[in-house]
Protein backbone atom coordinates (compact mmCIF):
# COMPACT_ATOMS: atom_id res chain seq x y z
CA MET A 1 177.69 65.63 123.11
CA LEU A 2 176.15 62.34 124.24
CA LEU A 3 177.85 62.63 127.65
CA LYS A 4 176.50 66.14 128.09
CA LEU A 5 173.01 64.91 127.21
CA LEU A 6 173.24 62.05 129.73
CA GLU A 7 174.51 64.32 132.48
CA ASN A 8 171.60 66.71 131.95
CA ILE A 9 168.99 64.02 132.70
CA SER A 10 167.76 65.38 136.02
CA PRO A 11 165.52 63.35 138.35
CA LYS A 12 162.66 65.82 137.92
CA ASN A 13 162.85 65.81 134.11
CA PHE A 14 163.02 62.02 134.09
CA TYR A 15 159.97 61.80 136.37
CA VAL A 16 157.94 64.14 134.13
CA PHE A 17 159.06 62.38 130.93
CA VAL A 18 158.20 58.94 132.29
CA GLY A 19 154.75 60.11 133.32
CA LYS A 20 154.03 61.10 129.72
CA VAL A 21 155.44 57.94 128.13
CA ILE A 22 153.92 55.24 130.35
CA PRO A 23 150.26 55.58 129.20
CA TRP A 24 151.32 55.18 125.56
CA THR A 25 153.64 52.22 126.03
CA LEU A 26 151.11 50.45 128.27
CA SER A 27 148.24 51.00 125.82
CA PHE A 28 150.18 49.69 122.83
CA ALA A 29 151.53 46.78 124.90
CA ILE A 30 148.03 45.63 125.86
CA LEU A 31 146.77 46.05 122.29
CA LEU A 32 149.63 44.12 120.66
CA ILE A 33 149.75 41.34 123.27
CA THR A 34 145.99 40.81 123.09
CA TYR A 35 145.93 40.76 119.29
CA GLY A 36 149.04 38.60 119.04
CA LEU A 37 147.73 36.05 121.52
CA TYR A 38 144.37 35.94 119.73
CA LEU A 39 146.09 35.18 116.42
CA GLY A 40 148.51 32.70 118.00
CA LEU A 41 145.98 30.79 120.08
CA PHE A 42 142.92 30.82 117.81
CA VAL A 43 143.97 31.62 114.24
CA ALA A 44 147.43 30.09 113.69
CA PRO A 45 147.30 26.49 112.41
CA THR A 46 148.34 23.55 114.56
CA ASP A 47 151.97 22.54 114.19
CA TYR A 48 152.25 19.21 112.38
CA GLN A 49 154.97 17.92 114.77
CA GLN A 50 154.30 19.60 118.12
CA GLY A 51 150.53 19.81 117.91
CA GLU A 52 148.82 22.41 120.10
CA ALA A 53 151.79 22.49 122.50
CA PHE A 54 153.67 24.80 120.12
CA ARG A 55 151.35 27.69 121.05
CA ILE A 56 153.29 28.30 124.26
CA ILE A 57 155.93 29.99 122.08
CA TYR A 58 153.79 33.13 122.08
CA VAL A 59 154.70 33.57 125.75
CA HIS A 60 157.95 31.63 125.96
CA VAL A 61 159.83 33.26 123.07
CA PRO A 62 159.05 36.89 124.09
CA SER A 63 159.96 36.03 127.70
CA ALA A 64 163.25 34.44 126.66
CA TRP A 65 164.04 37.39 124.39
CA LEU A 66 163.32 39.87 127.18
CA SER A 67 165.43 37.94 129.67
CA LEU A 68 168.39 38.80 127.42
CA PHE A 69 167.23 42.26 126.39
CA ALA A 70 166.67 43.29 130.01
CA TYR A 71 170.21 42.26 130.86
CA SER A 72 171.52 44.28 127.92
CA VAL A 73 169.70 47.33 129.30
CA LEU A 74 171.08 46.49 132.75
CA PHE A 75 174.61 46.16 131.39
CA ALA A 76 174.51 49.44 129.44
CA SER A 77 173.02 51.31 132.41
CA ALA A 78 175.57 49.78 134.78
CA VAL A 79 178.47 50.88 132.57
CA ILE A 80 177.13 54.44 132.35
CA ALA A 81 176.49 54.56 136.10
CA LEU A 82 179.95 53.25 136.95
CA ILE A 83 181.83 55.58 134.61
CA TRP A 84 179.84 58.79 134.97
CA ARG A 85 177.95 58.08 138.24
CA ILE A 86 174.63 59.27 136.85
CA LYS A 87 171.94 58.52 139.41
CA ILE A 88 169.14 57.82 136.92
CA PHE A 89 171.09 54.98 135.33
CA GLU A 90 171.71 53.37 138.72
CA ILE A 91 167.94 53.30 139.08
CA ILE A 92 167.34 51.99 135.56
CA ALA A 93 169.91 49.25 136.15
CA ILE A 94 168.30 47.84 139.29
CA SER A 95 164.81 48.20 137.81
CA SER A 96 165.89 46.26 134.75
CA ALA A 97 167.40 43.55 136.97
CA LYS A 98 164.10 43.05 138.83
CA ILE A 99 161.99 42.84 135.68
CA GLY A 100 164.60 40.77 133.86
CA ALA A 101 164.52 38.23 136.70
CA LEU A 102 160.75 37.89 136.31
CA PHE A 103 160.95 37.35 132.55
CA THR A 104 163.79 34.85 132.99
CA PHE A 105 161.70 32.91 135.51
CA LEU A 106 158.74 32.98 133.11
CA ALA A 107 160.96 31.74 130.27
CA LEU A 108 162.19 28.84 132.43
CA VAL A 109 158.67 27.89 133.55
CA THR A 110 157.10 28.05 130.07
CA GLY A 111 160.09 26.17 128.67
CA ALA A 112 159.53 23.42 131.23
CA ILE A 113 155.83 23.24 130.34
CA TRP A 114 156.75 22.83 126.68
CA GLY A 115 159.56 20.39 127.44
CA LYS A 116 157.37 17.89 129.27
CA PRO A 117 155.30 16.77 126.24
CA MET A 118 158.17 17.30 123.76
CA TRP A 119 161.11 15.78 125.67
CA GLY A 120 159.20 13.69 128.22
CA THR A 121 160.70 15.63 131.14
CA TRP A 122 160.31 19.03 132.79
CA TRP A 123 164.04 19.74 132.86
CA VAL A 124 167.31 18.62 131.30
CA TRP A 125 170.78 20.01 131.91
CA ASP A 126 170.86 21.33 128.37
CA ALA A 127 173.36 24.11 127.54
CA ARG A 128 170.62 26.66 126.74
CA LEU A 129 168.51 25.79 129.77
CA THR A 130 171.46 25.69 132.16
CA SER A 131 172.87 29.03 130.99
CA GLU A 132 169.39 30.58 131.25
CA LEU A 133 169.10 29.27 134.81
CA ILE A 134 172.50 30.80 135.59
CA LEU A 135 171.17 34.09 134.22
CA PHE A 136 168.27 33.90 136.68
CA PHE A 137 170.69 33.42 139.57
CA ILE A 138 172.84 36.32 138.34
CA TYR A 139 169.76 38.54 138.36
CA LEU A 140 168.92 37.46 141.91
CA SER A 141 172.52 38.02 143.03
CA ILE A 142 172.48 41.56 141.62
CA ILE A 143 169.21 42.36 143.39
CA LEU A 144 170.39 40.90 146.71
CA LEU A 145 173.74 42.69 146.49
CA TYR A 146 172.02 45.99 145.76
CA ASN A 147 169.79 45.63 148.82
CA SER A 148 172.56 44.46 151.16
CA PHE A 149 173.93 48.00 151.65
CA ASP A 150 172.38 50.72 153.79
CA ASP A 151 173.84 53.30 151.40
CA TYR A 152 172.01 52.78 148.12
CA ARG A 153 174.82 54.41 146.11
CA LYS A 154 177.30 51.82 147.43
CA GLY A 155 174.79 49.05 146.79
CA ALA A 156 174.25 50.30 143.24
CA LYS A 157 178.00 50.39 142.57
CA ALA A 158 178.55 46.85 143.84
CA ALA A 159 175.53 45.53 141.92
CA ASN A 160 176.63 47.28 138.72
CA ILE A 161 180.12 45.77 138.93
CA LEU A 162 178.55 42.31 139.24
CA ALA A 163 176.23 43.12 136.32
CA VAL A 164 179.18 44.00 134.09
CA ILE A 165 180.97 40.76 135.01
CA GLY A 166 177.83 38.69 134.54
CA PHE A 167 177.32 39.95 130.99
CA ILE A 168 179.68 37.22 129.79
CA ASN A 169 176.75 34.81 130.15
CA ILE A 170 174.62 36.59 127.53
CA PRO A 171 176.57 35.50 124.42
CA ILE A 172 176.85 32.02 125.96
CA ILE A 173 173.05 31.79 126.14
CA HIS A 174 172.59 33.14 122.63
CA PHE A 175 175.14 30.90 120.92
CA SER A 176 174.72 27.82 123.13
CA VAL A 177 172.54 26.03 120.57
CA GLU A 178 175.23 26.58 117.93
CA TRP A 179 178.32 25.88 120.03
CA TRP A 180 177.03 22.64 121.58
CA ASN A 181 174.84 19.74 120.53
CA THR A 182 171.75 20.52 122.60
CA LEU A 183 168.18 19.33 122.90
CA HIS A 184 166.96 22.89 122.61
CA GLN A 185 166.07 23.73 119.03
CA GLY A 186 168.28 26.12 117.08
CA PRO A 187 167.29 29.64 116.04
CA SER A 188 164.14 29.67 113.94
CA VAL A 189 163.10 33.34 113.99
CA MET A 190 166.26 35.47 114.37
CA LYS A 191 168.29 34.05 111.51
CA PHE A 192 170.45 35.61 108.84
CA SER A 193 168.53 33.54 106.30
CA ALA A 194 164.74 33.32 106.11
CA PRO A 195 163.03 32.30 109.37
CA SER A 196 162.21 28.59 109.47
CA ILE A 197 158.68 29.16 110.74
CA ALA A 198 155.48 29.57 108.75
CA SER A 199 154.28 33.16 108.33
CA GLU A 200 150.90 32.25 109.88
CA MET A 201 152.78 31.39 113.07
CA LEU A 202 155.47 34.06 112.77
CA VAL A 203 153.20 37.11 112.50
CA PRO A 204 151.45 36.52 115.86
CA LEU A 205 154.86 35.94 117.43
CA ILE A 206 156.08 39.30 116.14
CA TYR A 207 153.02 41.02 117.61
CA THR A 208 153.43 39.40 121.01
CA SER A 209 157.18 40.02 121.05
CA ILE A 210 156.74 43.73 120.36
CA GLY A 211 153.89 43.87 122.88
CA PHE A 212 155.94 42.16 125.58
CA THR A 213 158.83 44.51 124.85
CA LEU A 214 156.58 47.54 125.28
CA TYR A 215 155.30 46.02 128.51
CA PHE A 216 158.90 45.66 129.66
CA VAL A 217 159.51 49.34 128.89
CA THR A 218 156.35 50.26 130.83
CA ALA A 219 157.28 48.14 133.85
CA LEU A 220 160.85 49.43 133.75
CA LEU A 221 159.75 53.07 133.75
CA LEU A 222 157.18 52.48 136.50
CA SER A 223 159.73 50.71 138.69
CA ALA A 224 162.36 53.38 138.03
CA ARG A 225 159.94 56.16 138.86
CA ASN A 226 158.94 54.49 142.13
CA ILE A 227 162.56 54.01 143.15
CA LEU A 228 163.34 57.60 142.19
CA VAL A 229 160.49 58.96 144.30
CA ASP A 230 161.65 56.87 147.26
CA ARG A 231 165.23 58.12 146.91
CA GLU A 232 164.24 61.75 146.36
CA ARG A 233 161.34 61.90 148.83
CA LYS A 234 163.04 64.67 150.82
CA SER A 235 163.92 66.71 147.75
CA GLN A 236 162.15 70.00 147.13
CA TRP A 237 160.95 69.01 143.66
CA ILE A 238 159.17 65.96 145.10
CA GLN A 239 157.45 68.10 147.70
CA SER A 240 156.17 70.42 144.97
CA ILE A 241 154.54 67.65 142.93
């Protein structure tokens, strides 16, 4: 049943569906990010250890989360595209890779900004930081491989194979702070027990994380729609729009 549903996702139906969803996801993303940042930057109390520097978590944590979430979307789309060769999921995969690379870069930059006052240096070859940097290079490799073929279907297949192989890095990133003795702090929000962060600081983080996620969905759909239009520009349904 699920396979039949996936196979019936036509380019035209996807284009129409995306056009209806984007205004809603973008509106809620702007609302939640704005409100979350207001609470995090102006209402949340100063951290007794990190001072005002802790406030960068309202950008860093959502970015780091989305660097992993985007790759999960990429991986799932790549598997579907490789097995069933559904065009839409080839497009979603490469779109997710592009946006995931941007969020990974943002996570690395904001992490460096936080690390300077906390660790006294912009960068250390910490297990979490190093595996996140590897993730950034995997994203770039997927994008470059995709664009190195004149036939976009061949490029998509090669890029998706690399994406499936590269997924091994995702659990390494997630568990790196537990497997090794690292400078990077352990999990403080996503824990089986109660989060080790005050609710006054946690609530704004939840708002910004949801907002950033909705922004990711918006950017993903916009990118996918643009790629779809470029691929299908000679199709009759595009001409009729």
